[in-house]
PDB file of N, CA and C in Angstrom:
ATOM      1  N   UNK A   1     143.265 181.732 125.183  1.00  0.00           N
ATOM      2  CA  UNK A   1     143.539 180.626 124.306  1.00  0.00           C
ATOM      3  C   UNK A   1     143.567 179.209 125.336  1.00  0.00           C
ATOM      4  N   UNK A   2     144.000 179.290 126.568  1.00  0.00           N
ATOM      5  CA  UNK A   2     143.987 178.066 127.332  1.00  0.00           C
ATOM      6  C   UNK A   2     142.619 177.864 127.629  1.00  0.00           C
ATOM      7  N   UNK A   3     141.726 178.666 127.792  1.00  0.00           N
ATOM      8  CA  UNK A   3     140.208 178.463 128.212  1.00  0.00           C
ATOM      9  C   UNK A   3     139.629 177.740 126.960  1.00  0.00           C
ATOM     10  N   UNK A   4     140.003 178.138 125.712  1.00  0.00           N
ATOM     11  CA  UNK A   4     139.419 177.436 124.526  1.00  0.00           C
ATOM     12  C   UNK A   4     139.969 175.948 124.563  1.00  0.00           C
ATOM     13  N   UNK A   5     141.317 175.654 124.811  1.00  0.00           N
ATOM     14  CA  UNK A   5     141.792 174.294 124.859  1.00  0.00           C
ATOM     15  C   UNK A   5     141.004 173.474 125.752  1.00  0.00           C
ATOM     16  N   UNK A   6     140.804 174.053 127.051  1.00  0.00           N
ATOM     17  CA  UNK A   6     140.303 173.285 127.969  1.00  0.00           C
ATOM     18  C   UNK A   6     138.810 172.985 127.590  1.00  0.00           C
ATOM     19  N   UNK A   7     138.010 173.997 126.841  1.00  0.00           N
ATOM     20  CA  UNK A   7     136.724 173.808 126.502  1.00  0.00           C
ATOM     21  C   UNK A   7     136.807 172.400 125.315  1.00  0.00           C
ATOM     22  N   UNK A   8     137.630 172.613 124.559  1.00  0.00           N
ATOM     23  CA  UNK A   8     137.686 171.552 123.450  1.00  0.00           C
ATOM     24  C   UNK A   8     138.024 170.282 123.871  1.00  0.00           C
ATOM     25  N   UNK A   9     139.104 170.124 124.669  1.00  0.00           N
ATOM     26  CA  UNK A   9     139.907 168.864 124.867  1.00  0.00           C
ATOM     27  C   UNK A   9     139.407 168.181 126.368  1.00  0.00           C
ATOM     28  N   UNK A  10     138.803 169.130 127.301  1.00  0.00           N
ATOM     29  CA  UNK A  10     138.711 168.649 128.714  1.00  0.00           C
ATOM     30  C   UNK A  10     137.289 168.015 128.923  1.00  0.00           C
ATOM     31  N   UNK A  11     137.459 166.806 128.944  1.00  0.00           N
ATOM     32  CA  UNK A  11     136.099 165.894 129.257  1.00  0.00           C
ATOM     33  C   UNK A  11     136.384 165.348 130.518  1.00  0.00           C
ATOM     34  N   UNK A  12     135.604 165.840 131.626  1.00  0.00           N
ATOM     35  CA  UNK A  12     135.806 165.174 132.908  1.00  0.00           C
ATOM     36  C   UNK A  12     135.423 163.708 132.982  1.00  0.00           C
ATOM     37  N   UNK A  13     136.424 163.099 133.693  1.00  0.00           N
ATOM     38  CA  UNK A  13     136.170 161.713 133.986  1.00  0.00           C
ATOM     39  C   UNK A  13     136.114 161.438 135.516  1.00  0.00           C
ATOM     40  N   UNK A  14     135.144 161.117 136.146  1.00  0.00           N
ATOM     41  CA  UNK A  14     135.173 161.046 137.628  1.00  0.00           C
ATOM     42  C   UNK A  14     136.273 160.195 138.226  1.00  0.00           C
ATOM     43  N   UNK A  15     136.533 159.401 137.550  1.00  0.00           N
ATOM     44  CA  UNK A  15     137.620 158.365 138.085  1.00  0.00           C
ATOM     45  C   UNK A  15     139.137 158.992 138.015  1.00  0.00           C
ATOM     46  N   UNK A  16     139.282 159.677 137.021  1.00  0.00           N
ATOM     47  CA  UNK A  16     140.517 160.505 136.705  1.00  0.00           C
ATOM     48  C   UNK A  16     140.335 161.927 136.255  1.00  0.00           C
ATOM     49  N   UNK A  17     140.024 162.737 137.235  1.00  0.00           N
ATOM     50  CA  UNK A  17     139.799 164.307 136.811  1.00  0.00           C
ATOM     51  C   UNK A  17     140.810 164.971 136.249  1.00  0.00           C
ATOM     52  N   UNK A  18     142.195 164.480 136.660  1.00  0.00           N
ATOM     53  CA  UNK A  18     143.376 165.172 136.321  1.00  0.00           C
ATOM     54  C   UNK A  18     143.948 165.065 134.815  1.00  0.00           C
ATOM     55  N   UNK A  19     143.633 163.734 134.353  1.00  0.00           N
ATOM     56  CA  UNK A  19     144.153 163.407 133.319  1.00  0.00           C
ATOM     57  C   UNK A  19     143.524 164.228 131.880  1.00  0.00           C
ATOM     58  N   UNK A  20     142.237 164.603 131.965  1.00  0.00           N
ATOM     59  CA  UNK A  20     141.693 165.393 130.985  1.00  0.00           C
ATOM     60  C   UNK A  20     142.100 166.710 130.968  1.00  0.00           C
ATOM     61  N   UNK A  21     142.404 167.306 132.241  1.00  0.00           N
ATOM     62  CA  UNK A  21     142.776 168.677 132.196  1.00  0.00           C
ATOM     63  C   UNK A  21     144.322 168.662 131.673  1.00  0.00           C
ATOM     64  N   UNK A  22     145.158 167.797 132.086  1.00  0.00           N
ATOM     65  CA  UNK A  22     146.699 167.695 131.729  1.00  0.00           C
ATOM     66  C   UNK A  22     146.459 167.619 130.030  1.00  0.00           C
ATOM     67  N   UNK A  23     145.863 166.757 129.403  1.00  0.00           N
ATOM     68  CA  UNK A  23     145.769 166.554 128.034  1.00  0.00           C
ATOM     69  C   UNK A  23     145.322 167.972 127.683  1.00  0.00           C
ATOM     70  N   UNK A  24     144.576 168.763 128.045  1.00  0.00           N
ATOM     71  CA  UNK A  24     144.026 169.986 127.448  1.00  0.00           C
ATOM     72  C   UNK A  24     144.895 170.926 127.483  1.00  0.00           C
ATOM     73  N   UNK A  25     145.835 171.053 128.572  1.00  0.00           N
ATOM     74  CA  UNK A  25     146.969 171.887 128.750  1.00  0.00           C
ATOM     75  C   UNK A  25     148.051 171.477 127.835  1.00  0.00           C
ATOM     76  N   UNK A  26     148.417 170.380 127.594  1.00  0.00           N
ATOM     77  CA  UNK A  26     149.341 169.739 126.771  1.00  0.00           C
ATOM     78  C   UNK A  26     149.107 170.147 125.293  1.00  0.00           C
ATOM     79  N   UNK A  27     147.595 170.161 124.729  1.00  0.00           N
ATOM     80  CA  UNK A  27     147.284 170.587 123.427  1.00  0.00           C
ATOM     81  C   UNK A  27     147.321 172.039 123.201  1.00  0.00           C
ATOM     82  N   UNK A  28     147.216 172.857 124.432  1.00  0.00           N
ATOM     83  CA  UNK A  28     147.425 174.143 124.133  1.00  0.00           C
ATOM     84  C   UNK A  28     148.849 174.537 124.043  1.00  0.00           C
ATOM     85  N   UNK A  29     149.701 173.753 124.781  1.00  0.00           N
ATOM     86  CA  UNK A  29     151.096 174.025 124.790  1.00  0.00           C
ATOM     87  C   UNK A  29     151.612 173.741 123.386  1.00  0.00           C
ATOM     88  N   UNK A  30     151.223 172.615 122.759  1.00  0.00           N
ATOM     89  CA  UNK A  30     151.512 172.108 121.375  1.00  0.00           C
ATOM     90  C   UNK A  30     151.277 173.235 120.437  1.00  0.00           C
ATOM     91  N   UNK A  31     150.209 173.872 120.543  1.00  0.00           N
ATOM     92  CA  UNK A  31     149.917 174.707 119.437  1.00  0.00           C
ATOM     93  C   UNK A  31     150.672 175.975 119.655  1.00  0.00           C
ATOM     94  N   UNK A  32     151.090 176.457 120.960  1.00  0.00           N
ATOM     95  CA  UNK A  32     151.875 177.645 121.171  1.00  0.00           C
ATOM     96  C   UNK A  32     153.417 177.201 120.589  1.00  0.00           C
ATOM     97  N   UNK A  33     153.682 176.057 120.802  1.00  0.00           N
ATOM     98  CA  UNK A  33     155.149 175.571 120.243  1.00  0.00           C
ATOM     99  C   UNK A  33     155.311 175.695 119.077  1.00  0.00           C
ATOM    100  N   UNK A  34     154.247 174.970 118.099  1.00  0.00           N
ATOM    101  CA  UNK A  34     154.014 175.045 116.654  1.00  0.00           C
ATOM    102  C   UNK A  34     154.299 176.328 116.163  1.00  0.00           C
ATOM    103  N   UNK A  35     153.463 177.294 116.683  1.00  0.00           N
ATOM    104  CA  UNK A  35     153.333 178.653 116.279  1.00  0.00           C
ATOM    105  C   UNK A  35     154.696 179.263 116.482  1.00  0.00           C
ATOM    106  N   UNK A  36     155.329 179.119 117.607  1.00  0.00           N
ATOM    107  CA  UNK A  36     156.752 179.654 117.835  1.00  0.00           C
ATOM    108  C   UNK A  36     157.662 179.093 117.026  1.00  0.00           C
ATOM    109  N   UNK A  37     157.600 177.937 116.441  1.00  0.00           N
ATOM    110  CA  UNK A  37     158.477 177.082 115.757  1.00  0.00           C
ATOM    111  C   UNK A  37     158.397 177.689 114.106  1.00  0.00           C
ATOM    112  N   UNK A  38     157.061 177.786 113.829  1.00  0.00           N
ATOM    113  CA  UNK A  38     156.783 178.443 112.585  1.00  0.00           C
ATOM    114  C   UNK A  38     157.295 179.714 112.364  1.00  0.00           C
ATOM    115  N   UNK A  39     157.462 180.462 113.380  1.00  0.00           N
ATOM    116  CA  UNK A  39     158.116 181.896 113.285  1.00  0.00           C
ATOM    117  C   UNK A  39     159.470 181.917 113.543  1.00  0.00           C
ATOM    118  N   UNK A  40     160.228 181.158 114.634  1.00  0.00           N
ATOM    119  CA  UNK A  40     161.362 181.251 114.906  1.00  0.00           C
ATOM    120  C   UNK A  40     162.567 180.528 114.100  1.00  0.00           C
ATOM    121  N   UNK A  41     162.021 179.297 113.681  1.00  0.00           N
ATOM    122  CA  UNK A  41     162.937 178.489 112.863  1.00  0.00           C
ATOM    123  C   UNK A  41     163.463 179.204 111.411  1.00  0.00           C
ATOM    124  N   UNK A  42     162.463 179.735 110.712  1.00  0.00           N
ATOM    125  CA  UNK A  42     162.939 180.447 109.348  1.00  0.00           C
ATOM    126  C   UNK A  42     163.832 181.731 109.900  1.00  0.00           C
ATOM    127  N   UNK A  43     163.297 182.412 110.999  1.00  0.00           N
ATOM    128  CA  UNK A  43     164.175 183.542 111.470  1.00  0.00           C
ATOM    129  C   UNK A  43     165.468 183.447 111.891  1.00  0.00           C
ATOM    130  N   UNK A  44     165.597 182.287 112.642  1.00  0.00           N
ATOM    131  CA  UNK A  44     167.125 181.821 113.042  1.00  0.00           C
ATOM    132  C   UNK A  44     167.890 181.281 111.753  1.00  0.00           C
ATOM    133  N   UNK A  45     167.307 180.559 110.910  1.00  0.00           N
ATOM    134  CA  UNK A  45     168.078 180.246 109.741  1.00  0.00           C
ATOM    135  C   UNK A  45     168.424 181.427 108.900  1.00  0.00           C
ATOM    136  N   UNK A  46     167.636 182.307 108.848  1.00  0.00           N
ATOM    137  CA  UNK A  46     167.931 183.609 108.003  1.00  0.00           C
ATOM    138  C   UNK A  46     169.268 184.250 108.743  1.00  0.00           C
ATOM    139  N   UNK A  47     168.981 184.474 110.070  1.00  0.00           N
ATOM    140  CA  UNK A  47     169.942 185.317 110.681  1.00  0.00           C
ATOM    141  C   UNK A  47     171.337 184.443 110.862  1.00  0.00           C
ATOM    142  N   UNK A  48     171.412 183.112 110.951  1.00  0.00           N
ATOM    143  CA  UNK A  48     172.636 182.306 110.885  1.00  0.00           C
ATOM    144  C   UNK A  48     173.263 182.509 109.597  1.00  0.00           C
ATOM    145  N   UNK A  49     172.376 182.569 108.374  1.00  0.00           N
ATOM    146  CA  UNK A  49     173.101 182.518 107.003  1.00  0.00           C
ATOM    147  C   UNK A  49     173.622 183.889 106.873  1.00  0.00           C
ATOM    148  N   UNK A  50     173.115 185.248 107.266  1.00  0.00           N
ATOM    149  CA  UNK A  50     173.476 186.535 107.170  1.00  0.00           C
ATOM    150  C   UNK A  50     174.650 186.506 107.882  1.00  0.00           C
ATOM    151  N   UNK A  51     174.763 185.941 109.068  1.00  0.00           N
ATOM    152  CA  UNK A  51     175.953 186.045 110.006  1.00  0.00           C
ATOM    153  C   UNK A  51     177.228 185.247 109.288  1.00  0.00           C
ATOM    154  N   UNK A  52     176.940 184.098 108.731  1.00  0.00           N
ATOM    155  CA  UNK A  52     177.984 183.290 108.032  1.00  0.00           C
ATOM    156  C   UNK A  52     178.602 183.909 106.926  1.00  0.00           C
ATOM    157  N   UNK A  53     177.608 184.637 106.293  1.00  0.00           N
ATOM    158  CA  UNK A  53     178.238 185.458 104.874  1.00  0.00           C
ATOM    159  C   UNK A  53     178.896 186.478 105.156  1.00  0.00           C
ATOM    160  N   UNK A  54     178.322 187.339 106.170  1.00  0.00           N
ATOM    161  CA  UNK A  54     179.134 188.414 106.830  1.00  0.00           C
ATOM    162  C   UNK A  54     180.553 188.128 107.202  1.00  0.00           C
ATOM    163  N   UNK A  55     180.697 187.085 108.074  1.00  0.00           N
ATOM    164  CA  UNK A  55     181.848 186.707 108.686  1.00  0.00           C
ATOM    165  C   UNK A  55     182.860 186.166 107.568  1.00  0.00           C
ATOM    166  N   UNK A  56     182.250 185.542 106.561  1.00  0.00           N
ATOM    167  CA  UNK A  56     182.994 184.876 105.429  1.00  0.00           C
ATOM    168  C   UNK A  56     183.600 185.786 104.694  1.00  0.00           C
ATOM    169  N   UNK A  57     182.836 186.948 104.295  1.00  0.00           N
ATOM    170  CA  UNK A  57     183.341 187.867 103.420  1.00  0.00           C
ATOM    171  C   UNK A  57     184.306 188.862 104.034  1.00  0.00           C
ATOM    172  N   UNK A  58     184.038 188.854 105.439  1.00  0.00           N
ATOM    173  CA  UNK A  58     185.086 189.725 106.184  1.00  0.00           C
ATOM    174  C   UNK A  58     186.392 189.293 106.433  1.00  0.00           C
ATOM    175  N   UNK A  59     186.512 187.965 106.791  1.00  0.00           N
ATOM    176  CA  UNK A  59     187.606 187.587 107.248  1.00  0.00           C
ATOM    177  C   UNK A  59     188.042 186.468 106.595  1.00  0.00           C
ATOM    178  N   UNK A  60     187.394 185.606 105.755  1.00  0.00           N
ATOM    179  CA  UNK A  60     187.896 184.156 105.254  1.00  0.00           C
ATOM    180  C   UNK A  60     187.821 183.911 103.802  1.00  0.00           C
ATOM    181  N   UNK A  61     187.559 185.134 103.131  1.00  0.00           N
ATOM    182  CA  UNK A  61     187.338 184.788 101.638  1.00  0.00           C
ATOM    183  C   UNK A  61     188.791 184.566 100.910  1.00  0.00           C
ATOM    184  N   UNK A  62     189.720 185.081 100.967  1.00  0.00           N
ATOM    185  CA  UNK A  62     190.859 184.538 100.355  1.00  0.00           C
ATOM    186  C   UNK A  62     191.893 183.876 101.247  1.00  0.00           C
ATOM    187  N   UNK A  63     191.645 183.875 102.210  1.00  0.00           N
ATOM    188  CA  UNK A  63     192.534 183.091 103.183  1.00  0.00           C
ATOM    189  C   UNK A  63     192.350 181.637 103.232  1.00  0.00           C
ATOM    190  N   UNK A  64     191.267 180.933 102.801  1.00  0.00           N
ATOM    191  CA  UNK A  64     190.988 179.727 103.166  1.00  0.00           C
ATOM    192  C   UNK A  64     191.641 178.665 102.356  1.00  0.00           C
ATOM    193  N   UNK A  65     192.097 179.061 100.877  1.00  0.00           N
ATOM    194  CA  UNK A  65     192.800 178.115 100.385  1.00  0.00           C
ATOM    195  C   UNK A  65     194.246 178.228 100.622  1.00  0.00           C
ATOM    196  N   UNK A  66     194.768 179.153 101.015  1.00  0.00           N
ATOM    197  CA  UNK A  66     196.207 179.323 101.628  1.00  0.00           C
ATOM    198  C   UNK A  66     196.382 178.646 102.719  1.00  0.00           C
ATOM    199  N   UNK A  67     195.260 178.675 103.818  1.00  0.00           N
ATOM    200  CA  UNK A  67     195.453 177.932 105.000  1.00  0.00           C
ATOM    201  C   UNK A  67     195.316 176.551 104.709  1.00  0.00           C
ATOM    202  N   UNK A  68     194.518 175.901 103.941  1.00  0.00           N
ATOM    203  CA  UNK A  68     194.594 174.567 103.686  1.00  0.00           C
ATOM    204  C   UNK A  68     195.684 174.162 103.035  1.00  0.00           C
ATOM    205  N   UNK A  69     196.428 174.879 102.138  1.00  0.00           N
ATOM    206  CA  UNK A  69     197.595 174.576 101.407  1.00  0.00           C
ATOM    207  C   UNK A  69     198.715 174.512 102.291  1.00  0.00           C
ATOM    208  N   UNK A  70     198.809 175.379 103.302  1.00  0.00           N
ATOM    209  CA  UNK A  70     200.031 175.571 104.057  1.00  0.00           C
ATOM    210  C   UNK A  70     199.684 174.933 105.742  1.00  0.00           C
ATOM    211  N   UNK A  71     198.570 174.148 105.665  1.00  0.00           N
ATOM    212  CA  UNK A  71     198.304 173.630 106.840  1.00  0.00           C
ATOM    213  C   UNK A  71     199.345 172.578 107.388  1.00  0.00           C
ATOM    214  N   UNK A  72     199.888 173.016 108.647  1.00  0.00           N
ATOM    215  CA  UNK A  72     200.910 172.312 109.268  1.00  0.00           C
ATOM    216  C   UNK A  72     200.817 170.939 109.412  1.00  0.00           C
ATOM    217  N   UNK A  73     199.353 170.441 109.813  1.00  0.00           N
ATOM    218  CA  UNK A  73     199.197 168.959 110.134  1.00  0.00           C
ATOM    219  C   UNK A  73     199.481 168.257 109.023  1.00  0.00           C
ATOM    220  N   UNK A  74     199.039 168.640 107.714  1.00  0.00           N
ATOM    221  CA  UNK A  74     199.615 167.749 106.669  1.00  0.00           C
ATOM    222  C   UNK A  74     200.881 167.466 106.562  1.00  0.00           C
ATOM    223  N   UNK A  75     201.774 168.513 106.864  1.00  0.00           N
ATOM    224  CA  UNK A  75     203.209 168.345 106.814  1.00  0.00           C
ATOM    225  C   UNK A  75     203.698 167.329 107.732  1.00  0.00           C
ATOM    226  N   UNK A  76     203.209 167.604 109.014  1.00  0.00           N
ATOM    227  CA  UNK A  76     203.384 166.695 110.098  1.00  0.00           C
ATOM    228  C   UNK A  76     203.012 165.088 109.760  1.00  0.00           C
ATOM    229  N   UNK A  77     201.729 164.980 109.190  1.00  0.00           N
ATOM    230  CA  UNK A  77     201.323 163.628 108.787  1.00  0.00           C
ATOM    231  C   UNK A  77     202.253 162.983 107.965  1.00  0.00           C
ATOM    232  N   UNK A  78     202.828 163.615 106.826  1.00  0.00           N
ATOM    233  CA  UNK A  78     203.733 163.207 106.055  1.00  0.00           C
ATOM    234  C   UNK A  78     204.949 162.754 106.676  1.00  0.00           C
ATOM    235  N   UNK A  79     205.454 163.523 107.732  1.00  0.00           N
ATOM    236  CA  UNK A  79     206.760 163.033 108.346  1.00  0.00           C
ATOM    237  C   UNK A  79     206.490 161.892 109.051  1.00  0.00           C
ATOM    238  N   UNK A  80     205.400 161.597 109.772  1.00  0.00           N
ATOM    239  CA  UNK A  80     205.210 160.269 110.455  1.00  0.00           C
ATOM    240  C   UNK A  80     205.418 158.986 109.804  1.00  0.00           C
ATOM    241  N   UNK A  81     204.944 158.875 108.408  1.00  0.00           N
ATOM    242  CA  UNK A  81     205.102 157.765 107.773  1.00  0.00           C
ATOM    243  C   UNK A  81     203.896 156.809 108.029  1.00  0.00           C
ATOM    244  N   UNK A  82     204.081 155.464 107.553  1.00  0.00           N
ATOM    245  CA  UNK A  82     203.105 154.484 107.615  1.00  0.00           C
ATOM    246  C   UNK A  82     202.932 154.153 109.128  1.00  0.00           C
ATOM    247  N   UNK A  83     201.894 153.387 109.550  1.00  0.00           N
ATOM    248  CA  UNK A  83     201.670 152.980 110.990  1.00  0.00           C
ATOM    249  C   UNK A  83     202.380 151.660 111.107  1.00  0.00           C
ATOM    250  N   UNK A  84     203.321 151.546 112.404  1.00  0.00           N
ATOM    251  CA  UNK A  84     204.013 150.281 112.528  1.00  0.00           C
ATOM    252  C   UNK A  84     202.945 149.186 112.961  1.00  0.00           C
ATOM    253  N   UNK A  85     203.634 147.912 113.270  1.00  0.00           N
ATOM    254  CA  UNK A  85     202.556 146.874 113.563  1.00  0.00           C
ATOM    255  C   UNK A  85     202.183 147.270 115.306  1.00  0.00           C
ATOM    256  N   UNK A  86     202.878 147.768 116.061  1.00  0.00           N
ATOM    257  CA  UNK A  86     202.414 148.032 117.290  1.00  0.00           C
ATOM    258  C   UNK A  86     201.416 149.031 117.283  1.00  0.00           C
ATOM    259  N   UNK A  87     201.368 150.067 116.563  1.00  0.00           N
ATOM    260  CA  UNK A  87     200.286 150.796 116.528  1.00  0.00           C
ATOM    261  C   UNK A  87     199.065 150.398 115.933  1.00  0.00           C
ATOM    262  N   UNK A  88     199.349 149.472 114.955  1.00  0.00           N
ATOM    263  CA  UNK A  88     197.907 148.970 114.365  1.00  0.00           C
ATOM    264  C   UNK A  88     197.295 147.894 115.575  1.00  0.00           C
ATOM    265  N   UNK A  89     198.255 147.209 116.406  1.00  0.00           N
ATOM    266  CA  UNK A  89     197.659 146.299 117.455  1.00  0.00           C
ATOM    267  C   UNK A  89     196.863 147.185 118.536  1.00  0.00           C
ATOM    268  N   UNK A  90     197.437 148.433 118.758  1.00  0.00           N
ATOM    269  CA  UNK A  90     196.764 149.179 119.774  1.00  0.00           C
ATOM    270  C   UNK A  90     195.562 149.687 119.100  1.00  0.00           C
ATOM    271  N   UNK A  91     195.503 150.175 117.898  1.00  0.00           N
ATOM    272  CA  UNK A  91     194.306 150.667 117.475  1.00  0.00           C
ATOM    273  C   UNK A  91     193.157 149.811 117.384  1.00  0.00           C
ATOM    274  N   UNK A  92     193.686 148.380 116.932  1.00  0.00           N
ATOM    275  CA  UNK A  92     192.409 147.358 116.823  1.00  0.00           C
ATOM    276  C   UNK A  92     191.954 146.989 118.171  1.00  0.00           C
ATOM    277  N   UNK A  93     192.929 146.875 119.233  1.00  0.00           N
ATOM    278  CA  UNK A  93     192.391 146.650 120.600  1.00  0.00           C
ATOM    279  C   UNK A  93     191.622 147.711 121.024  1.00  0.00           C
ATOM    280  N   UNK A  94     191.863 148.848 120.871  1.00  0.00           N
ATOM    281  CA  UNK A  94     191.069 149.974 121.397  1.00  0.00           C
ATOM    282  C   UNK A  94     189.744 149.907 120.697  1.00  0.00           C
ATOM    283  N   UNK A  95     189.469 149.684 119.390  1.00  0.00           N
ATOM    284  CA  UNK A  95     188.215 149.671 118.717  1.00  0.00           C
ATOM    285  C   UNK A  95     187.569 148.407 119.390  1.00  0.00           C
ATOM    286  N   UNK A  96     188.105 147.238 119.715  1.00  0.00           N
ATOM    287  CA  UNK A  96     187.631 146.269 120.041  1.00  0.00           C
ATOM    288  C   UNK A  96     187.058 146.379 121.439  1.00  0.00           C
ATOM    289  N   UNK A  97     187.896 147.032 122.305  1.00  0.00           N
ATOM    290  CA  UNK A  97     187.378 147.356 123.792  1.00  0.00           C
ATOM    291  C   UNK A  97     186.148 148.319 123.673  1.00  0.00           C
ATOM    292  N   UNK A  98     186.219 149.362 122.795  1.00  0.00           N
ATOM    293  CA  UNK A  98     184.962 150.190 122.653  1.00  0.00           C
ATOM    294  C   UNK A  98     183.708 149.533 122.247  1.00  0.00           C
ATOM    295  N   UNK A  99     183.976 148.549 121.445  1.00  0.00           N
ATOM    296  CA  UNK A  99     182.609 147.890 121.017  1.00  0.00           C
ATOM    297  C   UNK A  99     182.093 146.967 121.880  1.00  0.00           C
ATOM    298  N   UNK A 100     183.042 146.064 122.418  1.00  0.00           N
ATOM    299  CA  UNK A 100     182.495 144.953 123.189  1.00  0.00           C
ATOM    300  C   UNK A 100     182.649 145.032 124.824  1.00  0.00           C
ATOM    301  N   UNK A 101     183.023 146.253 125.318  1.00  0.00           N
ATOM    302  CA  UNK A 101     182.905 146.504 126.855  1.00  0.00           C
ATOM    303  C   UNK A 101     181.656 146.329 127.291  1.00  0.00           C
ATOM    304  N   UNK A 102     181.426 145.424 128.198  1.00  0.00           N
ATOM    305  CA  UNK A 102     180.151 145.125 128.776  1.00  0.00           C
ATOM    306  C   UNK A 102     179.289 145.958 129.325  1.00  0.00           C
ATOM    307  N   UNK A 103     179.758 146.851 130.074  1.00  0.00           N
ATOM    308  CA  UNK A 103     178.634 147.862 130.548  1.00  0.00           C
ATOM    309  C   UNK A 103     179.379 149.219 130.919  1.00  0.00           C
ATOM    310  N   UNK A 104     179.358 150.285 130.337  1.00  0.00           N
ATOM    311  CA  UNK A 104     179.867 151.523 130.494  1.00  0.00           C
ATOM    312  C   UNK A 104     179.253 152.071 131.768  1.00  0.00           C
ATOM    313  N   UNK A 105     180.041 152.665 132.795  1.00  0.00           N
ATOM    314  CA  UNK A 105     179.440 153.115 133.910  1.00  0.00           C
ATOM    315  C   UNK A 105     178.558 154.282 133.722  1.00  0.00           C
ATOM    316  N   UNK A 106     177.429 154.478 134.372  1.00  0.00           N
ATOM    317  CA  UNK A 106     176.580 155.590 134.128  1.00  0.00           C
ATOM    318  C   UNK A 106     176.896 156.784 134.912  1.00  0.00           C
ATOM    319  N   UNK A 107     176.736 157.967 134.472  1.00  0.00           N
ATOM    320  CA  UNK A 107     177.150 159.192 135.133  1.00  0.00           C
ATOM    321  C   UNK A 107     176.461 159.312 136.462  1.00  0.00           C
ATOM    322  N   UNK A 108     177.117 159.979 137.440  1.00  0.00           N
ATOM    323  CA  UNK A 108     176.484 160.091 138.682  1.00  0.00           C
ATOM    324  C   UNK A 108     175.047 161.011 138.653  1.00  0.00           C
TER     325      UNK A 108
END
């Protein structure tokens, strides 16, 4: 297969002999990647959906509505009440700092 790609796409250029060969190999790799995606993407989607439904019907079918209804974070949020002025000031200053910070340090 690679020899066919080289025959089709490799046009020797005396000034840059490596460029044509690189393009030929890249074209061969693109064909192989496309073939792989045409096979593997639908297969992965099918397997993920099968796994989701198996796990859903085995573990979570009746318990999701009960878990949402009895979720303790909702009760804790009601106990907090509305935000105070100080909390709002901290929230706005944090958002402004994230938006207008001049330059985030790059990772090493």
